[in-house]
Amino acid sequence: MLAKTYSGLLKALAAIGAVIIGLMSIWTTAEVVLRYGFSRPLYWAVDLSEYTLLCGTFLVAPWLLRIHGGHV
């Protein structure tokens, strides 16, 4: 029972991490398009990308290690 709950928690955290990293790729792409296409950069995109890359990696790492035996 506890192992199943823990596995579900790891999958949920991995899904949240995947969504965070996916969103980061979207706003990074938007930042590049707006900066070089329209000269209107998103000033918050770089700072937010740094934090979300860190958080997303830490959220996905336990799932990767436990389920797949991989390492970041």
C-alpha atoms as a PDB file:
ATOM      1  CA  MET A   1       0.000   0.000   0.000  1.00  0.00           C
ATOM      2  CA  LEU A   2       2.712   2.489   0.970  1.00  0.00           C
ATOM      3  CA  ALA A   3       4.888   1.558  -2.014  1.00  0.00           C
ATOM      4  CA  LYS A   4       1.951   2.059  -4.368  1.00  0.00           C
ATOM      5  CA  THR A   5       1.207   5.468  -2.845  1.00  0.00           C
ATOM      6  CA  TYR A   6       4.851   6.468  -3.094  1.00  0.00           C
ATOM      7  CA  SER A   7       4.983   5.356  -6.724  1.00  0.00           C
ATOM      8  CA  GLY A   8       1.870   7.404  -7.464  1.00  0.00           C
ATOM      9  CA  LEU A   9       3.427  10.431  -5.771  1.00  0.00           C
ATOM     10  CA  LEU A  10       6.573  10.063  -7.859  1.00  0.00           C
ATOM     11  CA  LYS A  11       4.516   9.847 -11.054  1.00  0.00           C
ATOM     12  CA  ALA A  12       2.548  12.954 -10.067  1.00  0.00           C
ATOM     13  CA  LEU A  13       5.723  14.903  -9.322  1.00  0.00           C
ATOM     14  CA  ALA A  14       7.224  13.763 -12.627  1.00  0.00           C
ATOM     15  CA  ALA A  15       4.109  14.937 -14.469  1.00  0.00           C
ATOM     16  CA  ILE A  16       4.291  18.332 -12.761  1.00  0.00           C
ATOM     17  CA  GLY A  17       7.983  18.568 -13.650  1.00  0.00           C
ATOM     18  CA  ALA A  18       7.251  17.663 -17.265  1.00  0.00           C
ATOM     19  CA  VAL A  19       4.565  20.348 -17.485  1.00  0.00           C
ATOM     20  CA  ILE A  20       6.930  22.921 -15.975  1.00  0.00           C
ATOM     21  CA  ILE A  21       9.685  22.065 -18.457  1.00  0.00           C
ATOM     22  CA  GLY A  22       7.173  22.098 -21.320  1.00  0.00           C
ATOM     23  CA  LEU A  23       5.936  25.549 -20.321  1.00  0.00           C
ATOM     24  CA  MET A  24       9.518  26.719 -20.078  1.00  0.00           C
ATOM     25  CA  SER A  25      10.143  25.692 -23.677  1.00  0.00           C
ATOM     26  CA  ILE A  26       7.024  27.573 -24.800  1.00  0.00           C
ATOM     27  CA  TRP A  27       7.910  30.870 -23.117  1.00  0.00           C
ATOM     28  CA  THR A  28      11.546  30.591 -24.165  1.00  0.00           C
ATOM     29  CA  THR A  29      10.411  30.218 -27.772  1.00  0.00           C
ATOM     30  CA  ALA A  30       8.023  33.159 -27.335  1.00  0.00           C
ATOM     31  CA  GLU A  31      10.872  35.200 -25.835  1.00  0.00           C
ATOM     32  CA  VAL A  32      13.108  34.547 -28.844  1.00  0.00           C
ATOM     33  CA  VAL A  33      10.365  35.336 -31.357  1.00  0.00           C
ATOM     34  CA  LEU A  34       9.332  38.521 -29.567  1.00  0.00           C
ATOM     35  CA  ARG A  35      12.894  39.700 -28.995  1.00  0.00           C
ATOM     36  CA  TYR A  36      14.200  39.207 -32.518  1.00  0.00           C
ATOM     37  CA  GLY A  37      10.979  39.507 -34.498  1.00  0.00           C
ATOM     38  CA  PHE A  38       9.294  42.427 -32.781  1.00  0.00           C
ATOM     39  CA  SER A  39      12.018  43.952 -30.532  1.00  0.00           C
ATOM     40  CA  ARG A  40       9.704  43.425 -27.545  1.00  0.00           C
ATOM     41  CA  PRO A  41      11.416  40.910 -25.230  1.00  0.00           C
ATOM     42  CA  LEU A  42       9.815  39.241 -22.244  1.00  0.00           C
ATOM     43  CA  TYR A  43      12.078  40.492 -19.490  1.00  0.00           C
ATOM     44  CA  TRP A  44      10.962  37.840 -17.011  1.00  0.00           C
ATOM     45  CA  ALA A  45      11.485  34.831 -19.282  1.00  0.00           C
ATOM     46  CA  VAL A  46      15.188  34.257 -18.643  1.00  0.00           C
ATOM     47  CA  ASP A  47      14.917  34.512 -14.860  1.00  0.00           C
ATOM     48  CA  LEU A  48      11.861  32.290 -14.723  1.00  0.00           C
ATOM     49  CA  SER A  49      13.532  29.740 -16.994  1.00  0.00           C
ATOM     50  CA  GLU A  50      16.467  29.443 -14.600  1.00  0.00           C
ATOM     51  CA  TYR A  51      14.223  28.658 -11.644  1.00  0.00           C
ATOM     52  CA  THR A  52      11.893  26.327 -13.514  1.00  0.00           C
ATOM     53  CA  LEU A  53      14.780  24.334 -14.945  1.00  0.00           C
ATOM     54  CA  LEU A  54      16.059  23.768 -11.418  1.00  0.00           C
ATOM     55  CA  CYS A  55      12.629  22.909  -9.976  1.00  0.00           C
ATOM     56  CA  GLY A  56      11.607  20.735 -12.915  1.00  0.00           C
ATOM     57  CA  THR A  57      14.813  18.732 -12.695  1.00  0.00           C
ATOM     58  CA  PHE A  58      14.413  18.131  -8.968  1.00  0.00           C
ATOM     59  CA  LEU A  59      10.786  17.081  -9.407  1.00  0.00           C
ATOM     60  CA  VAL A  60      11.549  14.533 -12.139  1.00  0.00           C
ATOM     61  CA  ALA A  61      14.787  13.107 -10.674  1.00  0.00           C
ATOM     62  CA  PRO A  62      13.249  10.789  -7.998  1.00  0.00           C
ATOM     63  CA  TRP A  63      10.900   9.243 -10.565  1.00  0.00           C
ATOM     64  CA  LEU A  64      13.744   8.710 -13.006  1.00  0.00           C
ATOM     65  CA  LEU A  65      15.923   7.053 -10.373  1.00  0.00           C
ATOM     66  CA  ARG A  66      13.230   4.836  -8.830  1.00  0.00           C
ATOM     67  CA  ILE A  67      11.254   3.771 -11.906  1.00  0.00           C
ATOM     68  CA  HIS A  68      13.963   3.663 -14.585  1.00  0.00           C
ATOM     69  CA  GLY A  69      17.146   3.351 -12.546  1.00  0.00           C
ATOM     70  CA  GLY A  70      18.528   6.341 -14.443  1.00  0.00           C
ATOM     71  CA  HIS A  71      20.457   9.323 -13.217  1.00  0.00           C
ATOM     72  CA  VAL A  72      20.252  13.003 -14.028  1.00  0.00           C
END
